[in-house]
Amino acid sequence: MPSEVAVSCTGIKKTFHTGESDVIALKGINLTVNAGELFMLVGPAGCGKTTLISVIAGILEQDAGTCLVFGKNLHTMSESKRTKFRGENIGFVFQSYNLIPTLSILENVSIPLLIRGISKQIAEERAREKLEMVGLAARTNALSTELSGGQQQRVAIARALVHEPKLIVCDEPTAALDQETGLKVMEIFRNVALQNNRALIVVTHDSRIFSFADRIAKLDDGNIEKIVTSTANL
């Protein structure tokens, strides 16, 4: 049976207007990502990778084209419905982790559920489960500032997974990590994030993790140059 389509982008264009000049970030992107797939976006800095995932996640409005996430067009929804859809279906792992330093890691991971109105008790129960999945069950009361970079990234993964999203989007998840820690983080993504037919999109410059991808799209100058299944063809 064919896989469910998680993301379908058709003719996505985006231009940023900066002073007297325009920067064309995306020049008509066509892209399909399937459920159960770990899909990577690679290419030089400034080629449009982060802009593209921001459009896919409904954080940024495109100028032209259509982007569907599990058949839904986030960009035709009201802001409240879009926020609700993201809160139920999309997990985002930021390059800078975006953890709140004054909260414990248990509280950090609970936030997406608390925002949805789930009780603190249930939110923390689910947060504990996800922290156990990423190997941090013993550190639930620690502050993020007490953790290593790799541990903070695992907290960010747990937070992205706690509401059981169907799509997970990651921006440079291993950029600040050493090789051993980076590979462990990607193993977590393979073993945890892709359960239940989820889709995972990873933006990366890190060639050390390319082998974890099912497919890799190479971007340059706002275009997808090619999509490959083997790094030998990049």
C-alpha atoms as a PDB file:
ATOM      1  CA  MET A   1       0.000   0.000   0.000  1.00  0.00           C
ATOM      2  CA  PRO A   2       1.284   3.504  -0.768  1.00  0.00           C
ATOM      3  CA  SER A   3       2.308   5.653   2.195  1.00  0.00           C
ATOM      4  CA  GLU A   4       0.089   8.474   3.391  1.00  0.00           C
ATOM      5  CA  VAL A   5       1.268  11.859   2.159  1.00  0.00           C
ATOM      6  CA  ALA A   6       2.342  13.953   5.136  1.00  0.00           C
ATOM      7  CA  VAL A   7       3.431  17.133   3.316  1.00  0.00           C
ATOM      8  CA  SER A   8       2.666  18.258  -0.199  1.00  0.00           C
ATOM      9  CA  CYS A   9       4.158  21.522  -1.469  1.00  0.00           C
ATOM     10  CA  THR A  10       3.351  22.853  -4.929  1.00  0.00           C
ATOM     11  CA  GLY A  11       4.947  25.962  -6.440  1.00  0.00           C
ATOM     12  CA  ILE A  12       5.999  27.492  -3.101  1.00  0.00           C
ATOM     13  CA  LYS A  13       7.532  30.944  -3.559  1.00  0.00           C
ATOM     14  CA  LYS A  14       8.756  33.375  -0.936  1.00  0.00           C
ATOM     15  CA  THR A  15      10.492  36.737  -1.231  1.00  0.00           C
ATOM     16  CA  PHE A  16      11.778  38.818   1.673  1.00  0.00           C
ATOM     17  CA  HIS A  17      11.697  42.582   1.219  1.00  0.00           C
ATOM     18  CA  THR A  18      14.659  44.185   2.966  1.00  0.00           C
ATOM     19  CA  GLY A  19      15.009  47.901   2.479  1.00  0.00           C
ATOM     20  CA  GLU A  20      15.509  48.660  -1.198  1.00  0.00           C
ATOM     21  CA  SER A  21      16.400  45.097  -2.194  1.00  0.00           C
ATOM     22  CA  ASP A  22      14.425  41.859  -2.425  1.00  0.00           C
ATOM     23  CA  VAL A  23      15.765  38.457  -1.429  1.00  0.00           C
ATOM     24  CA  ILE A  24      14.076  35.572  -3.220  1.00  0.00           C
ATOM     25  CA  ALA A  25      14.221  32.680  -0.752  1.00  0.00           C
ATOM     26  CA  LEU A  26      12.041  30.097  -2.526  1.00  0.00           C
ATOM     27  CA  LYS A  27      11.514  30.017  -6.285  1.00  0.00           C
ATOM     28  CA  GLY A  28       8.695  27.517  -6.792  1.00  0.00           C
ATOM     29  CA  ILE A  29       9.312  24.511  -4.566  1.00  0.00           C
ATOM     30  CA  ASN A  30       7.551  21.233  -5.344  1.00  0.00           C
ATOM     31  CA  LEU A  31       7.967  18.627  -2.607  1.00  0.00           C
ATOM     32  CA  THR A  32       6.219  15.571  -1.170  1.00  0.00           C
ATOM     33  CA  VAL A  33       7.094  13.963   2.163  1.00  0.00           C
ATOM     34  CA  ASN A  34       5.461  10.685   3.147  1.00  0.00           C
ATOM     35  CA  ALA A  35       4.339   9.471   6.551  1.00  0.00           C
ATOM     36  CA  GLY A  36       6.872   7.111   8.104  1.00  0.00           C
ATOM     37  CA  GLU A  37       9.737   8.910   6.373  1.00  0.00           C
ATOM     38  CA  LEU A  38      12.800  10.739   7.662  1.00  0.00           C
ATOM     39  CA  PHE A  39      13.358  13.422   5.027  1.00  0.00           C
ATOM     40  CA  MET A  40      16.373  15.725   5.057  1.00  0.00           C
ATOM     41  CA  LEU A  41      16.832  19.152   3.497  1.00  0.00           C
ATOM     42  CA  VAL A  42      20.469  19.990   2.821  1.00  0.00           C
ATOM     43  CA  GLY A  43      22.331  22.783   1.075  1.00  0.00           C
ATOM     44  CA  PRO A  44      24.443  25.892   1.709  1.00  0.00           C
ATOM     45  CA  ALA A  45      23.498  28.615   4.183  1.00  0.00           C
ATOM     46  CA  GLY A  46      20.882  30.962   2.765  1.00  0.00           C
ATOM     47  CA  CYS A  47      19.533  28.486   0.202  1.00  0.00           C
ATOM     48  CA  GLY A  48      15.989  28.501   1.650  1.00  0.00           C
ATOM     49  CA  LYS A  49      15.919  25.449   3.940  1.00  0.00           C
ATOM     50  CA  THR A  50      14.685  27.169   7.101  1.00  0.00           C
ATOM     51  CA  THR A  51      12.261  29.300   5.096  1.00  0.00           C
ATOM     52  CA  LEU A  52      10.763  26.152   3.581  1.00  0.00           C
ATOM     53  CA  ILE A  53      10.233  24.343   6.885  1.00  0.00           C
ATOM     54  CA  SER A  54       8.759  27.532   8.356  1.00  0.00           C
ATOM     55  CA  VAL A  55       6.196  27.577   5.543  1.00  0.00           C
ATOM     56  CA  ILE A  56       5.473  23.868   6.010  1.00  0.00           C
ATOM     57  CA  ALA A  57       4.945  24.335   9.759  1.00  0.00           C
ATOM     58  CA  GLY A  58       2.615  27.269   9.190  1.00  0.00           C
ATOM     59  CA  ILE A  59       4.949  29.729  10.909  1.00  0.00           C
ATOM     60  CA  LEU A  60       5.648  31.755   7.754  1.00  0.00           C
ATOM     61  CA  GLU A  61       3.297  32.738   4.929  1.00  0.00           C
ATOM     62  CA  GLN A  62       4.388  31.948   1.373  1.00  0.00           C
ATOM     63  CA  ASP A  63       3.798  34.434  -1.455  1.00  0.00           C
ATOM     64  CA  ALA A  64       2.536  31.818  -3.911  1.00  0.00           C
ATOM     65  CA  GLY A  65       1.856  28.110  -4.108  1.00  0.00           C
ATOM     66  CA  THR A  66       0.088  25.601  -1.878  1.00  0.00           C
ATOM     67  CA  CYS A  67       1.340  23.577   1.085  1.00  0.00           C
ATOM     68  CA  LEU A  68      -0.789  20.812   2.586  1.00  0.00           C
ATOM     69  CA  VAL A  69       0.021  19.027   5.851  1.00  0.00           C
ATOM     70  CA  PHE A  70      -1.869  15.739   6.044  1.00  0.00           C
ATOM     71  CA  GLY A  71      -4.301  17.187   3.534  1.00  0.00           C
ATOM     72  CA  LYS A  72      -4.900  20.433   5.423  1.00  0.00           C
ATOM     73  CA  ASN A  73      -3.952  23.880   4.158  1.00  0.00           C
ATOM     74  CA  LEU A  74      -2.700  25.773   7.205  1.00  0.00           C
ATOM     75  CA  HIS A  75      -2.464  29.006   5.249  1.00  0.00           C
ATOM     76  CA  THR A  76      -6.219  29.214   4.589  1.00  0.00           C
ATOM     77  CA  MET A  77      -7.061  28.661   8.265  1.00  0.00           C
ATOM     78  CA  SER A  78      -7.788  31.410  10.756  1.00  0.00           C
ATOM     79  CA  GLU A  79      -4.909  32.127  13.130  1.00  0.00           C
ATOM     80  CA  SER A  80      -6.689  30.364  16.003  1.00  0.00           C
ATOM     81  CA  LYS A  81      -7.405  27.240  13.938  1.00  0.00           C
ATOM     82  CA  ARG A  82      -3.860  27.196  12.597  1.00  0.00           C
ATOM     83  CA  THR A  83      -2.447  27.446  16.125  1.00  0.00           C
ATOM     84  CA  LYS A  84      -4.738  24.621  17.232  1.00  0.00           C
ATOM     85  CA  PHE A  85      -3.719  22.442  14.260  1.00  0.00           C
ATOM     86  CA  ARG A  86      -0.017  23.017  14.933  1.00  0.00           C
ATOM     87  CA  GLY A  87      -0.510  22.269  18.608  1.00  0.00           C
ATOM     88  CA  GLU A  88      -2.129  18.930  17.784  1.00  0.00           C
ATOM     89  CA  ASN A  89      -0.169  17.799  14.734  1.00  0.00           C
ATOM     90  CA  ILE A  90       3.270  19.442  14.469  1.00  0.00           C
ATOM     91  CA  GLY A  91       6.329  19.214  16.723  1.00  0.00           C
ATOM     92  CA  PHE A  92       9.218  21.643  16.172  1.00  0.00           C
ATOM     93  CA  VAL A  93      12.800  21.089  17.359  1.00  0.00           C
ATOM     94  CA  PHE A  94      14.689  24.382  17.212  1.00  0.00           C
ATOM     95  CA  GLN A  95      18.432  24.684  16.688  1.00  0.00           C
ATOM     96  CA  SER A  96      18.743  26.728  19.893  1.00  0.00           C
ATOM     97  CA  TYR A  97      16.542  24.282  21.886  1.00  0.00           C
ATOM     98  CA  ASN A  98      14.345  27.167  23.200  1.00  0.00           C
ATOM     99  CA  LEU A  99      14.091  25.699  26.698  1.00  0.00           C
ATOM    100  CA  ILE A 100      12.946  27.949  29.546  1.00  0.00           C
ATOM    101  CA  PRO A 101      15.912  28.103  31.963  1.00  0.00           C
ATOM    102  CA  THR A 102      13.845  28.782  35.087  1.00  0.00           C
ATOM    103  CA  LEU A 103      11.710  25.649  34.625  1.00  0.00           C
ATOM    104  CA  SER A 104      12.634  22.033  35.259  1.00  0.00           C
ATOM    105  CA  ILE A 105      12.960  19.821  32.207  1.00  0.00           C
ATOM    106  CA  LEU A 106       9.725  18.084  33.251  1.00  0.00           C
ATOM    107  CA  GLU A 107       7.954  21.449  33.188  1.00  0.00           C
ATOM    108  CA  ASN A 108       9.563  22.353  29.846  1.00  0.00           C
ATOM    109  CA  VAL A 109       8.336  19.141  28.240  1.00  0.00           C
ATOM    110  CA  SER A 110       4.851  19.588  29.727  1.00  0.00           C
ATOM    111  CA  ILE A 111       4.308  23.017  28.133  1.00  0.00           C
ATOM    112  CA  PRO A 112       2.725  21.916  24.811  1.00  0.00           C
ATOM    113  CA  LEU A 113       0.098  19.937  26.721  1.00  0.00           C
ATOM    114  CA  LEU A 114      -0.592  22.649  29.282  1.00  0.00           C
ATOM    115  CA  ILE A 115      -1.143  25.134  26.440  1.00  0.00           C
ATOM    116  CA  ARG A 116      -3.832  22.792  25.098  1.00  0.00           C
ATOM    117  CA  GLY A 117      -5.631  22.838  28.444  1.00  0.00           C
ATOM    118  CA  ILE A 118      -4.564  19.382  29.626  1.00  0.00           C
ATOM    119  CA  SER A 119      -4.304  19.065  33.387  1.00  0.00           C
ATOM    120  CA  LYS A 120      -0.900  19.445  35.010  1.00  0.00           C
ATOM    121  CA  GLN A 121      -1.030  15.894  36.387  1.00  0.00           C
ATOM    122  CA  ILE A 122      -1.685  14.273  33.001  1.00  0.00           C
ATOM    123  CA  ALA A 123       0.742  16.610  31.223  1.00  0.00           C
ATOM    124  CA  GLU A 124       3.540  15.690  33.617  1.00  0.00           C
ATOM    125  CA  GLU A 125       2.745  11.978  33.357  1.00  0.00           C
ATOM    126  CA  ARG A 126       3.120  12.142  29.564  1.00  0.00           C
ATOM    127  CA  ALA A 127       6.215  14.319  29.879  1.00  0.00           C
ATOM    128  CA  ARG A 128       7.817  11.711  32.154  1.00  0.00           C
ATOM    129  CA  GLU A 129       7.112   9.007  29.565  1.00  0.00           C
ATOM    130  CA  LYS A 130       8.809  11.005  26.822  1.00  0.00           C
ATOM    131  CA  LEU A 131      11.790  11.891  29.012  1.00  0.00           C
ATOM    132  CA  GLU A 132      12.191   8.200  29.775  1.00  0.00           C
ATOM    133  CA  MET A 133      12.124   7.499  26.020  1.00  0.00           C
ATOM    134  CA  VAL A 134      15.066   9.842  25.481  1.00  0.00           C
ATOM    135  CA  GLY A 135      17.006   8.530  28.468  1.00  0.00           C
ATOM    136  CA  LEU A 136      16.434  11.387  30.905  1.00  0.00           C
ATOM    137  CA  ALA A 137      14.020   9.844  33.405  1.00  0.00           C
ATOM    138  CA  ALA A 138      16.480  10.472  36.234  1.00  0.00           C
ATOM    139  CA  ARG A 139      16.826  14.213  35.476  1.00  0.00           C
ATOM    140  CA  THR A 140      13.193  15.368  35.486  1.00  0.00           C
ATOM    141  CA  ASN A 141      13.759  17.951  38.222  1.00  0.00           C
ATOM    142  CA  ALA A 142      16.951  19.376  36.729  1.00  0.00           C
ATOM    143  CA  LEU A 143      17.041  22.808  35.136  1.00  0.00           C
ATOM    144  CA  SER A 144      18.072  22.986  31.486  1.00  0.00           C
ATOM    145  CA  THR A 145      21.163  24.977  32.503  1.00  0.00           C
ATOM    146  CA  GLU A 146      22.365  21.942  34.458  1.00  0.00           C
ATOM    147  CA  LEU A 147      22.383  19.736  31.353  1.00  0.00           C
ATOM    148  CA  SER A 148      24.891  19.220  28.543  1.00  0.00           C
ATOM    149  CA  GLY A 149      24.075  20.316  25.003  1.00  0.00           C
ATOM    150  CA  GLY A 150      23.180  16.766  24.014  1.00  0.00           C
ATOM    151  CA  GLN A 151      20.883  16.395  27.019  1.00  0.00           C
ATOM    152  CA  GLN A 152      19.187  19.702  26.228  1.00  0.00           C
ATOM    153  CA  GLN A 153      18.607  18.517  22.680  1.00  0.00           C
ATOM    154  CA  ARG A 154      17.002  15.338  24.010  1.00  0.00           C
ATOM    155  CA  VAL A 155      14.708  17.469  26.185  1.00  0.00           C
ATOM    156  CA  ALA A 156      13.750  19.439  23.072  1.00  0.00           C
ATOM    157  CA  ILE A 157      12.966  16.168  21.286  1.00  0.00           C
ATOM    158  CA  ALA A 158      10.817  14.994  24.200  1.00  0.00           C
ATOM    159  CA  ARG A 159       8.938  18.304  24.131  1.00  0.00           C
ATOM    160  CA  ALA A 160       8.375  17.981  20.384  1.00  0.00           C
ATOM    161  CA  LEU A 161       6.981  14.469  20.858  1.00  0.00           C
ATOM    162  CA  VAL A 162       4.898  14.912  24.005  1.00  0.00           C
ATOM    163  CA  HIS A 163       1.668  15.804  22.178  1.00  0.00           C
ATOM    164  CA  GLU A 164       2.108  12.878  19.745  1.00  0.00           C
ATOM    165  CA  PRO A 165       2.422  15.003  16.587  1.00  0.00           C
ATOM    166  CA  LYS A 166       2.110  13.462  13.147  1.00  0.00           C
ATOM    167  CA  LEU A 167       4.803  15.752  11.687  1.00  0.00           C
ATOM    168  CA  ILE A 168       8.083  16.676  13.381  1.00  0.00           C
ATOM    169  CA  VAL A 169      10.254  19.456  11.936  1.00  0.00           C
ATOM    170  CA  CYS A 170      13.864  19.913  13.085  1.00  0.00           C
ATOM    171  CA  ASP A 171      16.212  22.802  12.320  1.00  0.00           C
ATOM    172  CA  GLU A 172      19.886  21.748  12.532  1.00  0.00           C
ATOM    173  CA  PRO A 173      19.311  19.290  15.420  1.00  0.00           C
ATOM    174  CA  THR A 174      22.963  18.186  15.612  1.00  0.00           C
ATOM    175  CA  ALA A 175      24.734  21.439  14.716  1.00  0.00           C
ATOM    176  CA  ALA A 176      26.078  22.089  18.216  1.00  0.00           C
ATOM    177  CA  LEU A 177      26.752  18.466  19.135  1.00  0.00           C
ATOM    178  CA  ASP A 178      29.854  16.290  18.914  1.00  0.00           C
ATOM    179  CA  GLN A 179      29.702  13.297  16.574  1.00  0.00           C
ATOM    180  CA  GLU A 180      28.856  10.678  19.203  1.00  0.00           C
ATOM    181  CA  THR A 181      26.068  12.766  20.733  1.00  0.00           C
ATOM    182  CA  GLY A 182      24.739  13.764  17.328  1.00  0.00           C
ATOM    183  CA  LEU A 183      24.464  10.150  16.226  1.00  0.00           C
ATOM    184  CA  LYS A 184      22.662   9.260  19.467  1.00  0.00           C
ATOM    185  CA  VAL A 185      20.186  12.081  18.868  1.00  0.00           C
ATOM    186  CA  MET A 186      19.484  10.804  15.344  1.00  0.00           C
ATOM    187  CA  GLU A 187      19.029   7.261  16.645  1.00  0.00           C
ATOM    188  CA  ILE A 188      16.358   8.624  18.986  1.00  0.00           C
ATOM    189  CA  PHE A 189      14.630  10.208  15.998  1.00  0.00           C
ATOM    190  CA  ARG A 190      14.741   6.940  14.062  1.00  0.00           C
ATOM    191  CA  ASN A 191      13.537   4.824  16.981  1.00  0.00           C
ATOM    192  CA  VAL A 192      11.036   7.175  18.585  1.00  0.00           C
ATOM    193  CA  ALA A 193       9.972   9.976  16.268  1.00  0.00           C
ATOM    194  CA  LEU A 194       9.109   7.695  13.364  1.00  0.00           C
ATOM    195  CA  GLN A 195       6.826   5.442  15.355  1.00  0.00           C
ATOM    196  CA  ASN A 196       3.123   5.455  14.512  1.00  0.00           C
ATOM    197  CA  ASN A 197       3.736   6.455  10.885  1.00  0.00           C
ATOM    198  CA  ARG A 198       4.964   9.952  11.700  1.00  0.00           C
ATOM    199  CA  ALA A 199       6.936  12.070   9.258  1.00  0.00           C
ATOM    200  CA  LEU A 200      10.162  13.818  10.180  1.00  0.00           C
ATOM    201  CA  ILE A 201      11.774  16.679   8.245  1.00  0.00           C
ATOM    202  CA  VAL A 202      15.343  17.575   9.233  1.00  0.00           C
ATOM    203  CA  VAL A 203      17.240  20.632   8.006  1.00  0.00           C
ATOM    204  CA  THR A 204      20.964  20.005   8.335  1.00  0.00           C
ATOM    205  CA  HIS A 205      24.486  20.845   7.169  1.00  0.00           C
ATOM    206  CA  ASP A 206      25.807  17.815   9.060  1.00  0.00           C
ATOM    207  CA  SER A 207      26.974  15.176   6.572  1.00  0.00           C
ATOM    208  CA  ARG A 208      27.638  12.799   9.479  1.00  0.00           C
ATOM    209  CA  ILE A 209      23.898  12.152   9.821  1.00  0.00           C
ATOM    210  CA  PHE A 210      22.906  11.880   6.145  1.00  0.00           C
ATOM    211  CA  SER A 211      22.768   8.082   6.404  1.00  0.00           C
ATOM    212  CA  PHE A 212      19.749   8.307   8.734  1.00  0.00           C
ATOM    213  CA  ALA A 213      17.591   9.776   5.953  1.00  0.00           C
ATOM    214  CA  ASP A 214      15.194   7.856   3.747  1.00  0.00           C
ATOM    215  CA  ARG A 215      15.469  10.641   1.172  1.00  0.00           C
ATOM    216  CA  ILE A 216      17.520  13.817   0.919  1.00  0.00           C
ATOM    217  CA  ALA A 217      16.582  16.970  -0.986  1.00  0.00           C
ATOM    218  CA  LYS A 218      19.459  19.212  -2.013  1.00  0.00           C
ATOM    219  CA  LEU A 219      18.520  22.897  -2.127  1.00  0.00           C
ATOM    220  CA  ASP A 220      20.449  25.746  -3.669  1.00  0.00           C
ATOM    221  CA  ASP A 221      19.429  29.320  -4.400  1.00  0.00           C
ATOM    222  CA  GLY A 222      15.761  28.729  -3.569  1.00  0.00           C
ATOM    223  CA  ASN A 223      15.347  25.626  -5.728  1.00  0.00           C
ATOM    224  CA  ILE A 224      15.418  21.886  -5.127  1.00  0.00           C
ATOM    225  CA  GLU A 225      18.242  20.634  -7.338  1.00  0.00           C
ATOM    226  CA  LYS A 226      17.562  16.939  -6.757  1.00  0.00           C
ATOM    227  CA  ILE A 227      16.107  14.410  -4.357  1.00  0.00           C
ATOM    228  CA  VAL A 228      18.161  11.277  -3.696  1.00  0.00           C
ATOM    229  CA  THR A 229      18.004   8.104  -1.633  1.00  0.00           C
ATOM    230  CA  SER A 230      21.756   7.663  -1.404  1.00  0.00           C
ATOM    231  CA  THR A 231      24.444  10.115  -0.326  1.00  0.00           C
ATOM    232  CA  ALA A 232      26.572   8.857  -3.181  1.00  0.00           C
ATOM    233  CA  ASN A 233      24.278  10.787  -5.525  1.00  0.00           C
ATOM    234  CA  LEU A 234      24.473  14.126  -3.704  1.00  0.00           C
END
